[in-house]
Amino acid sequence: MLRENKVERDQMEFFCIDSFVPQDHLLRKIEDAVAFVQLLLSDLA
């Protein structure tokens, strides 16, 4: 009887999203205009 040798590998990668978004991207302008931290904290209160 043949057995398959299954190797399971779990990998995790950390990266900073800032390094992938160009400086002139629309998302950076939105981030500057909206206080996301305040929105998050107001939802938790």
N, C-alpha and C. Protein backbone atom coordinates (compact mmCIF):
# COMPACT_ATOMS: atom_id res chain seq x y z
N MET A 1 0.83 -1.18 0.00
CA MET A 1 0.00 0.00 0.00
C MET A 1 0.89 1.25 0.00
N LEU A 2 0.58 2.20 -0.86
CA LEU A 2 1.35 3.44 -0.95
C LEU A 2 0.75 4.50 -0.03
N ARG A 3 1.62 5.22 0.63
CA ARG A 3 1.17 6.30 1.50
C ARG A 3 1.69 7.62 0.95
N GLU A 4 0.84 8.59 0.93
CA GLU A 4 1.26 9.91 0.51
C GLU A 4 1.91 10.62 1.68
N ASN A 5 3.05 11.21 1.43
CA ASN A 5 3.74 11.97 2.45
C ASN A 5 3.30 13.44 2.32
N LYS A 6 2.33 13.82 3.11
CA LYS A 6 1.82 15.19 3.04
C LYS A 6 2.55 16.05 4.06
N VAL A 7 3.14 17.09 3.56
CA VAL A 7 3.82 18.03 4.43
C VAL A 7 2.99 19.30 4.48
N GLU A 8 2.53 19.64 5.66
CA GLU A 8 1.75 20.86 5.81
C GLU A 8 2.65 21.94 6.39
N ARG A 9 2.68 23.05 5.73
CA ARG A 9 3.51 24.16 6.18
C ARG A 9 2.63 25.39 6.37
N ASP A 10 2.64 25.87 7.55
CA ASP A 10 1.93 27.11 7.84
C ASP A 10 2.93 28.25 7.83
N GLN A 11 2.61 29.27 7.09
CA GLN A 11 3.52 30.40 6.99
C GLN A 11 2.77 31.68 7.32
N MET A 12 3.49 32.58 7.92
CA MET A 12 2.92 33.87 8.24
C MET A 12 3.92 34.94 7.80
N GLU A 13 3.39 35.96 7.19
CA GLU A 13 4.26 37.03 6.71
C GLU A 13 3.71 38.36 7.21
N PHE A 14 4.58 39.17 7.73
CA PHE A 14 4.20 40.49 8.20
C PHE A 14 4.80 41.52 7.25
N PHE A 15 4.00 42.54 6.94
CA PHE A 15 4.50 43.61 6.10
C PHE A 15 3.75 44.89 6.45
N CYS A 16 4.35 45.97 6.09
CA CYS A 16 3.75 47.27 6.35
C CYS A 16 3.04 47.73 5.07
N ILE A 17 1.76 47.95 5.17
CA ILE A 17 0.98 48.32 3.99
C ILE A 17 1.45 49.65 3.41
N ASP A 18 2.04 50.51 4.25
CA ASP A 18 2.53 51.80 3.77
C ASP A 18 3.59 51.64 2.69
N SER A 19 4.34 50.56 2.74
CA SER A 19 5.39 50.38 1.74
C SER A 19 4.83 49.94 0.38
N PHE A 20 3.55 49.56 0.33
CA PHE A 20 2.94 49.10 -0.92
C PHE A 20 2.04 50.16 -1.56
N VAL A 21 1.65 51.17 -0.80
CA VAL A 21 0.76 52.20 -1.33
C VAL A 21 1.61 53.43 -1.70
N PRO A 22 1.57 53.85 -2.95
CA PRO A 22 2.36 55.01 -3.37
C PRO A 22 1.96 56.28 -2.59
N GLN A 23 2.90 57.19 -2.46
CA GLN A 23 2.67 58.41 -1.69
C GLN A 23 1.54 59.27 -2.27
N ASP A 24 1.33 59.25 -3.57
CA ASP A 24 0.31 60.09 -4.20
C ASP A 24 -1.01 59.35 -4.44
N HIS A 25 -1.21 58.23 -3.79
CA HIS A 25 -2.42 57.42 -4.00
C HIS A 25 -3.62 58.03 -3.29
N LEU A 26 -4.80 57.81 -3.84
CA LEU A 26 -6.05 58.33 -3.28
C LEU A 26 -6.26 57.85 -1.83
N LEU A 27 -5.89 56.64 -1.53
CA LEU A 27 -6.08 56.12 -0.17
C LEU A 27 -5.31 56.92 0.87
N ARG A 28 -4.16 57.42 0.51
CA ARG A 28 -3.39 58.26 1.45
C ARG A 28 -4.12 59.59 1.70
N LYS A 29 -4.75 60.14 0.67
CA LYS A 29 -5.51 61.38 0.85
C LYS A 29 -6.72 61.15 1.74
N ILE A 30 -7.38 60.01 1.56
CA ILE A 30 -8.52 59.66 2.41
C ILE A 30 -8.06 59.47 3.85
N GLU A 31 -6.95 58.79 4.03
CA GLU A 31 -6.42 58.56 5.38
C GLU A 31 -6.12 59.89 6.08
N ASP A 32 -5.60 60.85 5.34
CA ASP A 32 -5.30 62.16 5.93
C ASP A 32 -6.57 62.93 6.28
N ALA A 33 -7.64 62.73 5.53
CA ALA A 33 -8.86 63.50 5.73
C ALA A 33 -9.79 62.89 6.78
N VAL A 34 -9.72 61.59 7.00
CA VAL A 34 -10.66 60.92 7.91
C VAL A 34 -9.90 60.46 9.16
N ALA A 35 -10.48 60.73 10.30
CA ALA A 35 -9.87 60.32 11.57
C ALA A 35 -10.38 58.92 11.92
N PHE A 36 -9.74 57.90 11.35
CA PHE A 36 -10.20 56.53 11.55
C PHE A 36 -10.09 56.09 13.00
N VAL A 37 -9.10 56.56 13.72
CA VAL A 37 -8.93 56.18 15.12
C VAL A 37 -10.10 56.70 15.94
N GLN A 38 -10.51 57.91 15.69
CA GLN A 38 -11.65 58.47 16.42
C GLN A 38 -12.93 57.71 16.10
N LEU A 39 -13.10 57.29 14.85
CA LEU A 39 -14.28 56.51 14.48
C LEU A 39 -14.28 55.17 15.20
N LEU A 40 -13.14 54.54 15.28
CA LEU A 40 -13.03 53.25 15.97
C LEU A 40 -13.32 53.39 17.46
N LEU A 41 -12.74 54.41 18.07
CA LEU A 41 -12.94 54.62 19.50
C LEU A 41 -14.37 54.99 19.82
N SER A 42 -15.03 55.72 18.95
CA SER A 42 -16.42 56.09 19.21
C SER A 42 -17.34 54.87 19.11
N ASP A 43 -17.00 53.90 18.28
CA ASP A 43 -17.79 52.68 18.19
C ASP A 43 -17.61 51.80 19.42
N LEU A 44 -16.45 51.87 20.06
CA LEU A 44 -16.17 51.04 21.23
C LEU A 44 -16.79 51.62 22.50
N ALA A 45 -17.09 52.91 22.50
CA ALA A 45 -17.63 53.56 23.71
C ALA A 45 -19.10 53.30 23.88
